[in-house]
Amino acid sequence: MPENGNQMAKQEWPPDWNEPRPHKLPRPTYWPAVLAFGIVLIAWGPVTSIAIALIGIVVSVMAIAGWIGELRHES
């Protein structure tokens, strides 16, 4: 309960606990799904055609680079 209208009451923690820090979650992105698609193409390539596997490698590298790029520029 707030002590008055402008202040919030501080929560009491047990002596061996720390106050939790606020978490900042990264924003949603499509790169994990693109990476999964690239991995599927890599696995499907030897069954069908080596060209499919090569496309999968390119898609996977692009997805990893895009995902890391987004995470680096987020802060």
PDB file of N, CA and C in Angstrom:
ATOM      1  N   MET A   1       0.837  -1.184   0.000  1.00  0.00           N
ATOM      2  CA  MET A   1       0.000   0.000   0.000  1.00  0.00           C
ATOM      3  C   MET A   1       0.878   1.242   0.000  1.00  0.00           C
ATOM      4  N   PRO A   2       0.511   2.236  -0.763  1.00  0.00           N
ATOM      5  CA  PRO A   2       1.250   3.486  -0.719  1.00  0.00           C
ATOM      6  C   PRO A   2       1.038   4.183   0.613  1.00  0.00           C
ATOM      7  N   GLU A   3       2.135   4.785   1.101  1.00  0.00           N
ATOM      8  CA  GLU A   3       2.036   5.536   2.348  1.00  0.00           C
ATOM      9  C   GLU A   3       1.240   6.818   2.142  1.00  0.00           C
ATOM     10  N   ASN A   4       1.463   7.456   1.009  1.00  0.00           N
ATOM     11  CA  ASN A   4       0.623   8.583   0.620  1.00  0.00           C
ATOM     12  C   ASN A   4       0.454   8.550  -0.890  1.00  0.00           C
ATOM     13  N   GLY A   5      -0.164   9.515  -1.475  1.00  0.00           N
ATOM     14  CA  GLY A   5      -0.481   9.497  -2.897  1.00  0.00           C
ATOM     15  C   GLY A   5       0.722   9.535  -3.805  1.00  0.00           C
ATOM     16  N   ASN A   6       1.855  10.066  -3.366  1.00  0.00           N
ATOM     17  CA  ASN A   6       3.007  10.244  -4.241  1.00  0.00           C
ATOM     18  C   ASN A   6       4.100   9.198  -4.051  1.00  0.00           C
ATOM     19  N   GLN A   7       4.085   8.454  -2.967  1.00  0.00           N
ATOM     20  CA  GLN A   7       5.151   7.500  -2.694  1.00  0.00           C
ATOM     21  C   GLN A   7       4.599   6.075  -2.685  1.00  0.00           C
ATOM     22  N   MET A   8       5.438   5.163  -3.169  1.00  0.00           N
ATOM     23  CA  MET A   8       5.059   3.754  -3.126  1.00  0.00           C
ATOM     24  C   MET A   8       5.792   3.125  -1.948  1.00  0.00           C
ATOM     25  N   ALA A   9       5.146   2.217  -1.266  1.00  0.00           N
ATOM     26  CA  ALA A   9       5.772   1.540  -0.131  1.00  0.00           C
ATOM     27  C   ALA A   9       6.850   0.595  -0.644  1.00  0.00           C
ATOM     28  N   LYS A  10       8.002   0.585   0.001  1.00  0.00           N
ATOM     29  CA  LYS A  10       9.091  -0.304  -0.380  1.00  0.00           C
ATOM     30  C   LYS A  10       8.804  -1.696   0.156  1.00  0.00           C
ATOM     31  N   GLN A  11       8.965  -2.672  -0.727  1.00  0.00           N
ATOM     32  CA  GLN A  11       8.695  -4.049  -0.337  1.00  0.00           C
ATOM     33  C   GLN A  11       9.838  -4.556   0.532  1.00  0.00           C
ATOM     34  N   GLU A  12       9.508  -5.263   1.570  1.00  0.00           N
ATOM     35  CA  GLU A  12      10.512  -5.845   2.459  1.00  0.00           C
ATOM     36  C   GLU A  12      10.899  -7.227   1.938  1.00  0.00           C
ATOM     37  N   TRP A  13      12.204  -7.458   1.813  1.00  0.00           N
ATOM     38  CA  TRP A  13      12.726  -8.726   1.341  1.00  0.00           C
ATOM     39  C   TRP A  13      13.381  -9.455   2.511  1.00  0.00           C
ATOM     40  N   PRO A  14      13.390 -10.772   2.479  1.00  0.00           N
ATOM     41  CA  PRO A  14      14.125 -11.511   3.506  1.00  0.00           C
ATOM     42  C   PRO A  14      15.602 -11.089   3.502  1.00  0.00           C
ATOM     43  N   PRO A  15      16.298 -11.235   4.609  1.00  0.00           N
ATOM     44  CA  PRO A  15      17.667 -10.720   4.707  1.00  0.00           C
ATOM     45  C   PRO A  15      18.649 -11.304   3.693  1.00  0.00           C
ATOM     46  N   ASP A  16      18.464 -12.538   3.258  1.00  0.00           N
ATOM     47  CA  ASP A  16      19.413 -13.129   2.318  1.00  0.00           C
ATOM     48  C   ASP A  16      18.987 -12.974   0.856  1.00  0.00           C
ATOM     49  N   TRP A  17      17.985 -12.167   0.578  1.00  0.00           N
ATOM     50  CA  TRP A  17      17.512 -11.934  -0.783  1.00  0.00           C
ATOM     51  C   TRP A  17      18.005 -10.582  -1.272  1.00  0.00           C
ATOM     52  N   ASN A  18      18.098 -10.459  -2.595  1.00  0.00           N
ATOM     53  CA  ASN A  18      18.394  -9.175  -3.225  1.00  0.00           C
ATOM     54  C   ASN A  18      17.152  -8.680  -3.941  1.00  0.00           C
ATOM     55  N   GLU A  19      17.055  -7.385  -4.079  1.00  0.00           N
ATOM     56  CA  GLU A  19      15.927  -6.823  -4.821  1.00  0.00           C
ATOM     57  C   GLU A  19      16.117  -7.150  -6.300  1.00  0.00           C
ATOM     58  N   PRO A  20      15.088  -7.676  -6.977  1.00  0.00           N
ATOM     59  CA  PRO A  20      15.250  -8.058  -8.381  1.00  0.00           C
ATOM     60  C   PRO A  20      15.459  -6.826  -9.259  1.00  0.00           C
ATOM     61  N   ARG A  21      16.326  -6.997 -10.241  1.00  0.00           N
ATOM     62  CA  ARG A  21      16.562  -5.916 -11.195  1.00  0.00           C
ATOM     63  C   ARG A  21      15.503  -5.977 -12.290  1.00  0.00           C
ATOM     64  N   PRO A  22      15.157  -4.849 -12.851  1.00  0.00           N
ATOM     65  CA  PRO A  22      14.190  -4.891 -13.966  1.00  0.00           C
ATOM     66  C   PRO A  22      14.844  -5.525 -15.196  1.00  0.00           C
ATOM     67  N   HIS A  23      14.116  -6.379 -15.854  1.00  0.00           N
ATOM     68  CA  HIS A  23      14.630  -7.030 -17.050  1.00  0.00           C
ATOM     69  C   HIS A  23      14.175  -6.267 -18.273  1.00  0.00           C
ATOM     70  N   LYS A  24      15.078  -6.102 -19.208  1.00  0.00           N
ATOM     71  CA  LYS A  24      14.721  -5.505 -20.486  1.00  0.00           C
ATOM     72  C   LYS A  24      14.773  -6.619 -21.525  1.00  0.00           C
ATOM     73  N   LEU A  25      13.642  -7.009 -22.021  1.00  0.00           N
ATOM     74  CA  LEU A  25      13.577  -8.074 -23.012  1.00  0.00           C
ATOM     75  C   LEU A  25      13.832  -7.501 -24.396  1.00  0.00           C
ATOM     76  N   PRO A  26      14.521  -8.249 -25.249  1.00  0.00           N
ATOM     77  CA  PRO A  26      14.697  -7.769 -26.619  1.00  0.00           C
ATOM     78  C   PRO A  26      13.360  -7.790 -27.359  1.00  0.00           C
ATOM     79  N   ARG A  27      13.248  -6.907 -28.334  1.00  0.00           N
ATOM     80  CA  ARG A  27      11.982  -6.865 -29.080  1.00  0.00           C
ATOM     81  C   ARG A  27      11.858  -8.098 -29.974  1.00  0.00           C
ATOM     82  N   PRO A  28      10.666  -8.472 -30.333  1.00  0.00           N
ATOM     83  CA  PRO A  28      10.471  -9.662 -31.175  1.00  0.00           C
ATOM     84  C   PRO A  28      11.142  -9.495 -32.542  1.00  0.00           C
ATOM     85  N   THR A  29      11.585 -10.600 -33.104  1.00  0.00           N
ATOM     86  CA  THR A  29      12.256 -10.579 -34.390  1.00  0.00           C
ATOM     87  C   THR A  29      11.937 -11.861 -35.160  1.00  0.00           C
ATOM     88  N   TYR A  30      12.090 -11.791 -36.472  1.00  0.00           N
ATOM     89  CA  TYR A  30      11.847 -12.959 -37.326  1.00  0.00           C
ATOM     90  C   TYR A  30      13.113 -13.771 -37.585  1.00  0.00           C
ATOM     91  N   TRP A  31      14.275 -13.282 -37.160  1.00  0.00           N
ATOM     92  CA  TRP A  31      15.530 -13.954 -37.477  1.00  0.00           C
ATOM     93  C   TRP A  31      15.614 -15.386 -36.953  1.00  0.00           C
ATOM     94  N   PRO A  32      15.113 -15.709 -35.767  1.00  0.00           N
ATOM     95  CA  PRO A  32      15.170 -17.122 -35.352  1.00  0.00           C
ATOM     96  C   PRO A  32      14.398 -18.054 -36.288  1.00  0.00           C
ATOM     97  N   ALA A  33      13.265 -17.589 -36.795  1.00  0.00           N
ATOM     98  CA  ALA A  33      12.485 -18.407 -37.730  1.00  0.00           C
ATOM     99  C   ALA A  33      13.222 -18.550 -39.064  1.00  0.00           C
ATOM    100  N   VAL A  34      13.887 -17.489 -39.510  1.00  0.00           N
ATOM    101  CA  VAL A  34      14.668 -17.561 -40.751  1.00  0.00           C
ATOM    102  C   VAL A  34      15.841 -18.520 -40.578  1.00  0.00           C
ATOM    103  N   LEU A  35      16.478 -18.483 -39.405  1.00  0.00           N
ATOM    104  CA  LEU A  35      17.574 -19.411 -39.133  1.00  0.00           C
ATOM    105  C   LEU A  35      17.072 -20.853 -39.133  1.00  0.00           C
ATOM    106  N   ALA A  36      15.928 -21.096 -38.539  1.00  0.00           N
ATOM    107  CA  ALA A  36      15.359 -22.446 -38.541  1.00  0.00           C
ATOM    108  C   ALA A  36      15.065 -22.909 -39.969  1.00  0.00           C
ATOM    109  N   PHE A  37      14.570 -22.015 -40.803  1.00  0.00           N
ATOM    110  CA  PHE A  37      14.311 -22.350 -42.204  1.00  0.00           C
ATOM    111  C   PHE A  37      15.611 -22.694 -42.924  1.00  0.00           C
ATOM    112  N   GLY A  38      16.664 -21.930 -42.661  1.00  0.00           N
ATOM    113  CA  GLY A  38      17.961 -22.230 -43.266  1.00  0.00           C
ATOM    114  C   GLY A  38      18.489 -23.587 -42.847  1.00  0.00           C
ATOM    115  N   ILE A  39      18.312 -23.925 -41.576  1.00  0.00           N
ATOM    116  CA  ILE A  39      18.766 -25.236 -41.092  1.00  0.00           C
ATOM    117  C   ILE A  39      17.977 -26.361 -41.748  1.00  0.00           C
ATOM    118  N   VAL A  40      16.682 -26.152 -41.949  1.00  0.00           N
ATOM    119  CA  VAL A  40      15.863 -27.157 -42.645  1.00  0.00           C
ATOM    120  C   VAL A  40      16.350 -27.337 -44.077  1.00  0.00           C
ATOM    121  N   LEU A  41      16.674 -26.236 -44.742  1.00  0.00           N
ATOM    122  CA  LEU A  41      17.190 -26.353 -46.108  1.00  0.00           C
ATOM    123  C   LEU A  41      18.524 -27.092 -46.142  1.00  0.00           C
ATOM    124  N   ILE A  42      19.386 -26.818 -45.149  1.00  0.00           N
ATOM    125  CA  ILE A  42      20.669 -27.530 -45.090  1.00  0.00           C
ATOM    126  C   ILE A  42      20.435 -29.030 -44.919  1.00  0.00           C
ATOM    127  N   ALA A  43      19.512 -29.400 -44.051  1.00  0.00           N
ATOM    128  CA  ALA A  43      19.239 -30.820 -43.822  1.00  0.00           C
ATOM    129  C   ALA A  43      18.544 -31.468 -45.016  1.00  0.00           C
ATOM    130  N   TRP A  44      17.753 -30.704 -45.725  1.00  0.00           N
ATOM    131  CA  TRP A  44      17.009 -31.227 -46.867  1.00  0.00           C
ATOM    132  C   TRP A  44      17.893 -31.329 -48.113  1.00  0.00           C
ATOM    133  N   GLY A  45      18.970 -30.556 -48.139  1.00  0.00           N
ATOM    134  CA  GLY A  45      19.844 -30.508 -49.307  1.00  0.00           C
ATOM    135  C   GLY A  45      20.420 -31.839 -49.732  1.00  0.00           C
ATOM    136  N   PRO A  46      21.048 -32.596 -48.843  1.00  0.00           N
ATOM    137  CA  PRO A  46      21.624 -33.881 -49.289  1.00  0.00           C
ATOM    138  C   PRO A  46      20.578 -34.875 -49.806  1.00  0.00           C
ATOM    139  N   VAL A  47      19.350 -34.733 -49.375  1.00  0.00           N
ATOM    140  CA  VAL A  47      18.295 -35.639 -49.835  1.00  0.00           C
ATOM    141  C   VAL A  47      17.852 -35.283 -51.254  1.00  0.00           C
ATOM    142  N   THR A  48      17.847 -33.993 -51.577  1.00  0.00           N
ATOM    143  CA  THR A  48      17.342 -33.548 -52.871  1.00  0.00           C
ATOM    144  C   THR A  48      18.460 -33.102 -53.798  1.00  0.00           C
ATOM    145  N   SER A  49      19.068 -31.975 -53.489  1.00  0.00           N
ATOM    146  CA  SER A  49      20.090 -31.400 -54.351  1.00  0.00           C
ATOM    147  C   SER A  49      21.054 -30.589 -53.493  1.00  0.00           C
ATOM    148  N   ILE A  50      22.319 -30.623 -53.863  1.00  0.00           N
ATOM    149  CA  ILE A  50      23.313 -29.862 -53.110  1.00  0.00           C
ATOM    150  C   ILE A  50      23.049 -28.361 -53.207  1.00  0.00           C
ATOM    151  N   ALA A  51      22.364 -27.933 -54.254  1.00  0.00           N
ATOM    152  CA  ALA A  51      22.030 -26.506 -54.407  1.00  0.00           C
ATOM    153  C   ALA A  51      21.102 -26.053 -53.275  1.00  0.00           C
ATOM    154  N   ILE A  52      20.194 -26.911 -52.862  1.00  0.00           N
ATOM    155  CA  ILE A  52      19.299 -26.579 -51.742  1.00  0.00           C
ATOM    156  C   ILE A  52      20.110 -26.391 -50.469  1.00  0.00           C
ATOM    157  N   ALA A  53      21.101 -27.231 -50.246  1.00  0.00           N
ATOM    158  CA  ALA A  53      21.947 -27.106 -49.059  1.00  0.00           C
ATOM    159  C   ALA A  53      22.749 -25.808 -49.110  1.00  0.00           C
ATOM    160  N   LEU A  54      23.243 -25.444 -50.279  1.00  0.00           N
ATOM    161  CA  LEU A  54      23.990 -24.191 -50.405  1.00  0.00           C
ATOM    162  C   LEU A  54      23.093 -22.985 -50.135  1.00  0.00           C
ATOM    163  N   ILE A  55      21.881 -23.032 -50.624  1.00  0.00           N
ATOM    164  CA  ILE A  55      20.927 -21.951 -50.334  1.00  0.00           C
ATOM    165  C   ILE A  55      20.656 -21.901 -48.837  1.00  0.00           C
ATOM    166  N   GLY A  56      20.541 -23.060 -48.203  1.00  0.00           N
ATOM    167  CA  GLY A  56      20.334 -23.117 -46.764  1.00  0.00           C
ATOM    168  C   GLY A  56      21.482 -22.512 -45.984  1.00  0.00           C
ATOM    169  N   ILE A  57      22.711 -22.750 -46.446  1.00  0.00           N
ATOM    170  CA  ILE A  57      23.874 -22.162 -45.790  1.00  0.00           C
ATOM    171  C   ILE A  57      23.836 -20.643 -45.910  1.00  0.00           C
ATOM    172  N   VAL A  58      23.509 -20.144 -47.090  1.00  0.00           N
ATOM    173  CA  VAL A  58      23.428 -18.687 -47.292  1.00  0.00           C
ATOM    174  C   VAL A  58      22.334 -18.081 -46.418  1.00  0.00           C
ATOM    175  N   VAL A  59      21.174 -18.713 -46.387  1.00  0.00           N
ATOM    176  CA  VAL A  59      20.066 -18.205 -45.565  1.00  0.00           C
ATOM    177  C   VAL A  59      20.445 -18.231 -44.084  1.00  0.00           C
ATOM    178  N   SER A  60      21.110 -19.283 -43.640  1.00  0.00           N
ATOM    179  CA  SER A  60      21.507 -19.391 -42.234  1.00  0.00           C
ATOM    180  C   SER A  60      22.518 -18.316 -41.857  1.00  0.00           C
ATOM    181  N   VAL A  61      23.502 -18.090 -42.712  1.00  0.00           N
ATOM    182  CA  VAL A  61      24.504 -17.046 -42.427  1.00  0.00           C
ATOM    183  C   VAL A  61      23.845 -15.665 -42.394  1.00  0.00           C
ATOM    184  N   MET A  62      22.943 -15.417 -43.330  1.00  0.00           N
ATOM    185  CA  MET A  62      22.232 -14.124 -43.328  1.00  0.00           C
ATOM    186  C   MET A  62      21.388 -13.965 -42.065  1.00  0.00           C
ATOM    187  N   ALA A  63      20.744 -15.035 -41.623  1.00  0.00           N
ATOM    188  CA  ALA A  63      19.904 -14.970 -40.428  1.00  0.00           C
ATOM    189  C   ALA A  63      20.741 -14.716 -39.179  1.00  0.00           C
ATOM    190  N   ILE A  64      21.873 -15.378 -39.062  1.00  0.00           N
ATOM    191  CA  ILE A  64      22.741 -15.165 -37.902  1.00  0.00           C
ATOM    192  C   ILE A  64      23.262 -13.728 -37.889  1.00  0.00           C
ATOM    193  N   ALA A  65      23.696 -13.245 -39.051  1.00  0.00           N
ATOM    194  CA  ALA A  65      24.197 -11.871 -39.134  1.00  0.00           C
ATOM    195  C   ALA A  65      23.089 -10.863 -38.819  1.00  0.00           C
ATOM    196  N   GLY A  66      21.903 -11.089 -39.336  1.00  0.00           N
ATOM    197  CA  GLY A  66      20.791 -10.171 -39.065  1.00  0.00           C
ATOM    198  C   GLY A  66      20.376 -10.173 -37.610  1.00  0.00           C
ATOM    199  N   TRP A  67      20.337 -11.340 -37.014  1.00  0.00           N
ATOM    200  CA  TRP A  67      19.940 -11.471 -35.608  1.00  0.00           C
ATOM    201  C   TRP A  67      20.957 -10.789 -34.691  1.00  0.00           C
ATOM    202  N   ILE A  68      22.241 -11.042 -34.929  1.00  0.00           N
ATOM    203  CA  ILE A  68      23.278 -10.407 -34.128  1.00  0.00           C
ATOM    204  C   ILE A  68      23.268  -8.895 -34.348  1.00  0.00           C
ATOM    205  N   GLY A  69      23.059  -8.483 -35.584  1.00  0.00           N
ATOM    206  CA  GLY A  69      22.996  -7.048 -35.877  1.00  0.00           C
ATOM    207  C   GLY A  69      21.869  -6.353 -35.124  1.00  0.00           C
ATOM    208  N   GLU A  70      20.723  -6.983 -35.083  1.00  0.00           N
ATOM    209  CA  GLU A  70      19.602  -6.399 -34.334  1.00  0.00           C
ATOM    210  C   GLU A  70      19.909  -6.308 -32.853  1.00  0.00           C
ATOM    211  N   LEU A  71      20.505  -7.352 -32.292  1.00  0.00           N
ATOM    212  CA  LEU A  71      20.825  -7.350 -30.868  1.00  0.00           C
ATOM    213  C   LEU A  71      21.880  -6.311 -30.528  1.00  0.00           C
ATOM    214  N   ARG A  72      22.836  -6.096 -31.404  1.00  0.00           N
ATOM    215  CA  ARG A  72      23.882  -5.108 -31.138  1.00  0.00           C
ATOM    216  C   ARG A  72      23.357  -3.683 -31.211  1.00  0.00           C
ATOM    217  N   HIS A  73      22.402  -3.418 -32.076  1.00  0.00           N
ATOM    218  CA  HIS A  73      21.881  -2.058 -32.247  1.00  0.00           C
ATOM    219  C   HIS A  73      20.682  -1.757 -31.376  1.00  0.00           C
ATOM    220  N   GLU A  74      20.302  -2.694 -30.541  1.00  0.00           N
ATOM    221  CA  GLU A  74      19.110  -2.506 -29.716  1.00  0.00           C
ATOM    222  C   GLU A  74      19.344  -1.603 -28.511  1.00  0.00           C
ATOM    223  N   SER A  75      20.541  -1.581 -28.005  1.00  0.00           N
ATOM    224  CA  SER A  75      20.789  -0.812 -26.775  1.00  0.00           C
ATOM    225  C   SER A  75      20.949   0.634 -27.006  1.00  0.00           C
TER     226      SER A  75
END
